């Protein structure tokens, strides 16, 4: 592992940790999805790639199953957004 890849891993770990600390499930799952995808790209082991690919698909399904930001908005906020966007 090069010094550059270690630094890159650290940056993503920090953003993953920050997402977890925020308590926002969507942000955490998105950060995890991105981290797993990067791990797959750099993976040299077929076994690890298969396991990480499976987990990536599970995380993506979890993200899709979350209510969209629009459905969690209040009626007031939806009307305000509609008015502001025309």
N, C-alpha and C. Protein backbone atom coordinates (compact mmCIF):
# COMPACT_ATOMS: atom_id res chain seq x y z
N UNK A 1 0.85 -1.18 0.00
CA UNK A 1 0.00 0.00 0.00
C UNK A 1 0.89 1.24 0.00
N UNK A 2 0.59 2.16 -0.91
CA UNK A 2 1.40 3.37 -1.01
C UNK A 2 0.95 4.39 0.03
N UNK A 3 1.81 5.36 0.23
CA UNK A 3 1.48 6.43 1.18
C UNK A 3 0.25 7.20 0.72
N UNK A 4 0.14 7.36 -0.60
CA UNK A 4 -1.01 8.07 -1.16
C UNK A 4 -2.31 7.31 -0.91
N UNK A 5 -2.29 5.99 -1.09
CA UNK A 5 -3.52 5.21 -0.88
C UNK A 5 -3.90 5.18 0.60
N UNK A 6 -2.90 5.19 1.48
CA UNK A 6 -3.19 5.24 2.91
C UNK A 6 -3.85 6.57 3.26
N UNK A 7 -3.34 7.66 2.68
CA UNK A 7 -3.94 8.98 2.92
C UNK A 7 -5.36 9.04 2.39
N UNK A 8 -5.57 8.45 1.20
CA UNK A 8 -6.92 8.42 0.61
C UNK A 8 -7.87 7.62 1.49
N UNK A 9 -7.42 6.46 1.97
CA UNK A 9 -8.24 5.65 2.87
C UNK A 9 -8.59 6.42 4.13
N UNK A 10 -7.65 7.16 4.66
CA UNK A 10 -7.88 7.93 5.88
C UNK A 10 -8.94 9.01 5.65
N UNK A 11 -8.87 9.69 4.51
CA UNK A 11 -9.87 10.73 4.20
C UNK A 11 -11.26 10.13 4.14
N UNK A 12 -11.40 8.99 3.48
CA UNK A 12 -12.72 8.37 3.37
C UNK A 12 -13.17 7.80 4.71
N UNK A 13 -12.24 7.30 5.48
CA UNK A 13 -12.60 6.78 6.81
C UNK A 13 -13.12 7.93 7.66
N UNK A 14 -12.45 9.08 7.57
CA UNK A 14 -12.90 10.23 8.34
C UNK A 14 -14.30 10.63 7.92
N UNK A 15 -14.59 10.63 6.62
CA UNK A 15 -15.93 11.02 6.19
C UNK A 15 -16.97 9.97 6.60
N UNK A 16 -16.58 8.70 6.59
CA UNK A 16 -17.47 7.64 7.06
C UNK A 16 -17.74 7.80 8.55
N UNK A 17 -16.68 8.06 9.31
CA UNK A 17 -16.83 8.25 10.75
C UNK A 17 -17.69 9.48 11.03
N UNK A 18 -17.46 10.55 10.28
CA UNK A 18 -18.27 11.77 10.45
C UNK A 18 -19.74 11.49 10.16
N UNK A 19 -19.99 10.71 9.12
CA UNK A 19 -21.38 10.38 8.77
C UNK A 19 -22.03 9.58 9.88
N UNK A 20 -21.30 8.61 10.42
CA UNK A 20 -21.84 7.80 11.52
C UNK A 20 -22.11 8.67 12.73
N UNK A 21 -21.17 9.55 13.06
CA UNK A 21 -21.34 10.43 14.22
C UNK A 21 -22.51 11.39 14.06
N UNK A 22 -22.84 11.73 12.80
CA UNK A 22 -23.93 12.68 12.56
C UNK A 22 -25.28 12.07 12.95
N UNK A 23 -25.34 10.72 12.95
CA UNK A 23 -26.59 10.06 13.27
C UNK A 23 -27.55 9.99 12.10
N UNK A 24 -27.12 10.48 10.94
CA UNK A 24 -27.96 10.48 9.74
C UNK A 24 -27.76 9.15 9.01
N UNK A 25 -28.79 8.32 9.01
CA UNK A 25 -28.68 6.99 8.42
C UNK A 25 -28.38 7.05 6.93
N UNK A 26 -29.04 7.94 6.21
CA UNK A 26 -28.81 8.06 4.77
C UNK A 26 -27.36 8.44 4.48
N UNK A 27 -26.83 9.44 5.17
CA UNK A 27 -25.44 9.86 4.96
C UNK A 27 -24.48 8.72 5.28
N UNK A 28 -24.78 7.99 6.35
CA UNK A 28 -23.92 6.88 6.75
C UNK A 28 -23.92 5.79 5.69
N UNK A 29 -25.09 5.43 5.19
CA UNK A 29 -25.17 4.39 4.17
C UNK A 29 -24.49 4.83 2.87
N UNK A 30 -24.63 6.08 2.52
CA UNK A 30 -23.99 6.59 1.30
C UNK A 30 -22.47 6.57 1.45
N UNK A 31 -21.97 7.00 2.60
CA UNK A 31 -20.52 6.97 2.84
C UNK A 31 -20.02 5.53 2.83
N UNK A 32 -20.78 4.62 3.42
CA UNK A 32 -20.41 3.21 3.42
C UNK A 32 -20.42 2.64 2.00
N UNK A 33 -21.44 2.99 1.23
CA UNK A 33 -21.53 2.55 -0.17
C UNK A 33 -20.30 2.98 -0.95
N UNK A 34 -19.92 4.24 -0.79
CA UNK A 34 -18.76 4.77 -1.50
C UNK A 34 -17.46 4.07 -1.08
N UNK A 35 -17.33 3.83 0.22
CA UNK A 35 -16.14 3.15 0.73
C UNK A 35 -16.05 1.72 0.21
N UNK A 36 -17.17 1.00 0.20
CA UNK A 36 -17.17 -0.37 -0.31
C UNK A 36 -16.84 -0.38 -1.80
N UNK A 37 -17.38 0.56 -2.56
CA UNK A 37 -17.10 0.63 -4.00
C UNK A 37 -15.61 0.86 -4.25
N UNK A 38 -15.00 1.73 -3.48
CA UNK A 38 -13.57 1.97 -3.64
C UNK A 38 -12.76 0.73 -3.26
N UNK A 39 -13.21 0.03 -2.23
CA UNK A 39 -12.53 -1.20 -1.82
C UNK A 39 -12.60 -2.23 -2.94
N UNK A 40 -13.75 -2.33 -3.59
CA UNK A 40 -13.91 -3.27 -4.70
C UNK A 40 -12.96 -2.90 -5.85
N UNK A 41 -12.87 -1.62 -6.17
CA UNK A 41 -12.00 -1.17 -7.26
C UNK A 41 -10.54 -1.55 -7.01
N UNK A 42 -10.11 -1.53 -5.76
CA UNK A 42 -8.72 -1.80 -5.43
C UNK A 42 -8.48 -3.23 -5.00
N UNK A 43 -9.50 -4.07 -5.10
CA UNK A 43 -9.43 -5.45 -4.61
C UNK A 43 -8.71 -6.35 -5.60
N UNK A 44 -7.85 -7.19 -5.07
CA UNK A 44 -7.14 -8.15 -5.91
C UNK A 44 -7.59 -9.59 -5.62
N UNK A 45 -8.34 -9.79 -4.58
CA UNK A 45 -8.80 -11.12 -4.19
C UNK A 45 -10.23 -11.34 -4.70
N UNK A 46 -10.42 -12.42 -5.45
CA UNK A 46 -11.76 -12.74 -5.95
C UNK A 46 -12.75 -12.97 -4.83
N UNK A 47 -12.29 -13.62 -3.77
CA UNK A 47 -13.17 -13.90 -2.63
C UNK A 47 -13.61 -12.60 -1.96
N UNK A 48 -12.66 -11.68 -1.75
CA UNK A 48 -13.00 -10.41 -1.13
C UNK A 48 -13.90 -9.57 -2.03
N UNK A 49 -13.64 -9.64 -3.34
CA UNK A 49 -14.47 -8.88 -4.27
C UNK A 49 -15.91 -9.38 -4.23
N UNK A 50 -16.09 -10.69 -4.17
CA UNK A 50 -17.44 -11.25 -4.12
C UNK A 50 -18.17 -10.82 -2.85
N UNK A 51 -17.47 -10.90 -1.72
CA UNK A 51 -18.08 -10.51 -0.44
C UNK A 51 -18.42 -9.03 -0.42
N UNK A 52 -17.49 -8.20 -0.92
CA UNK A 52 -17.74 -6.76 -0.93
C UNK A 52 -18.82 -6.38 -1.94
N UNK A 53 -18.89 -7.09 -3.06
CA UNK A 53 -19.95 -6.82 -4.04
C UNK A 53 -21.32 -7.13 -3.46
N UNK A 54 -21.40 -8.23 -2.75
CA UNK A 54 -22.67 -8.60 -2.10
C UNK A 54 -23.08 -7.54 -1.08
N UNK A 55 -22.13 -7.10 -0.29
CA UNK A 55 -22.43 -6.08 0.72
C UNK A 55 -22.82 -4.76 0.05
N UNK A 56 -22.15 -4.41 -1.05
CA UNK A 56 -22.49 -3.19 -1.78
C UNK A 56 -23.94 -3.23 -2.25
N UNK A 57 -24.35 -4.36 -2.80
CA UNK A 57 -25.73 -4.50 -3.25
C UNK A 57 -26.70 -4.38 -2.08
N UNK A 58 -26.35 -4.93 -0.93
CA UNK A 58 -27.22 -4.82 0.25
C UNK A 58 -27.35 -3.38 0.72
N UNK A 59 -26.23 -2.66 0.75
CA UNK A 59 -26.25 -1.27 1.19
C UNK A 59 -27.06 -0.42 0.21
N UNK A 60 -26.89 -0.67 -1.08
CA UNK A 60 -27.66 0.07 -2.08
C UNK A 60 -29.15 -0.18 -1.92
N UNK A 61 -29.52 -1.41 -1.61
CA UNK A 61 -30.94 -1.73 -1.37
C UNK A 61 -31.45 -1.01 -0.13
N UNK A 62 -30.62 -0.93 0.89
CA UNK A 62 -31.03 -0.21 2.11
C UNK A 62 -31.25 1.26 1.81
N UNK A 63 -30.38 1.86 1.00
CA UNK A 63 -30.53 3.27 0.64
C UNK A 63 -31.84 3.47 -0.13
N UNK A 64 -32.11 2.59 -1.09
CA UNK A 64 -33.34 2.70 -1.88
C UNK A 64 -34.58 2.52 -1.03
N UNK A 65 -34.47 1.73 0.04
CA UNK A 65 -35.64 1.47 0.89
C UNK A 65 -35.95 2.64 1.83
N UNK A 66 -35.00 3.53 2.03
CA UNK A 66 -35.25 4.68 2.89
C UNK A 66 -36.24 5.62 2.22
N UNK A 67 -37.06 6.27 3.02
CA UNK A 67 -37.97 7.25 2.41
C UNK A 67 -37.15 8.38 1.80
N UNK A 68 -37.60 8.88 0.66
CA UNK A 68 -36.86 9.97 0.02
C UNK A 68 -36.96 11.22 0.89
N UNK A 69 -36.05 12.13 0.67
CA UNK A 69 -36.08 13.38 1.44
C UNK A 69 -37.41 14.11 1.24
N UNK A 70 -37.97 13.97 0.04
CA UNK A 70 -39.22 14.65 -0.27
C UNK A 70 -40.38 14.11 0.58
N UNK A 71 -40.39 12.80 0.84
CA UNK A 71 -41.50 12.23 1.61
C UNK A 71 -41.38 12.55 3.09
N UNK A 72 -40.21 12.97 3.53
CA UNK A 72 -40.05 13.30 4.94
C UNK A 72 -40.26 14.79 5.20
N UNK A 73 -40.52 15.55 4.13
CA UNK A 73 -40.76 16.98 4.29
C UNK A 73 -42.17 17.23 4.80
N UNK A 74 -42.31 18.28 5.57
CA UNK A 74 -43.64 18.65 6.04
C UNK A 74 -44.43 19.24 4.88
N UNK A 75 -45.75 19.30 5.05
CA UNK A 75 -46.61 19.90 4.01
C UNK A 75 -46.17 21.34 3.74
N UNK A 76 -45.87 22.05 4.79
CA UNK A 76 -45.44 23.44 4.67
C UNK A 76 -44.18 23.54 3.82
N UNK A 77 -43.20 22.68 4.11
CA UNK A 77 -41.93 22.71 3.36
C UNK A 77 -42.14 22.31 1.90
N UNK A 78 -43.04 21.35 1.64
CA UNK A 78 -43.32 20.95 0.25
C UNK A 78 -43.95 22.11 -0.52
N UNK A 79 -44.91 22.79 0.11
CA UNK A 79 -45.55 23.93 -0.55
C UNK A 79 -44.55 25.06 -0.77
N UNK A 80 -43.70 25.30 0.21
CA UNK A 80 -42.69 26.34 0.08
C UNK A 80 -41.74 26.02 -1.07
N UNK A 81 -41.28 24.77 -1.16
CA UNK A 81 -40.38 24.36 -2.24
C UNK A 81 -41.07 24.49 -3.60
N UNK A 82 -42.34 24.12 -3.65
CA UNK A 82 -43.10 24.21 -4.90
C UNK A 82 -43.22 25.66 -5.33
N UNK A 83 -43.48 26.54 -4.37
CA UNK A 83 -43.63 27.97 -4.67
C UNK A 83 -42.29 28.55 -5.14
N UNK A 84 -41.21 28.18 -4.47
CA UNK A 84 -39.90 28.72 -4.80
C UNK A 84 -39.39 28.19 -6.14
N UNK A 85 -39.76 26.97 -6.50
CA UNK A 85 -39.27 26.38 -7.75
C UNK A 85 -40.21 26.62 -8.93
N UNK A 86 -41.31 27.27 -8.65
CA UNK A 86 -42.25 27.61 -9.72
C UNK A 86 -43.21 26.59 -9.98
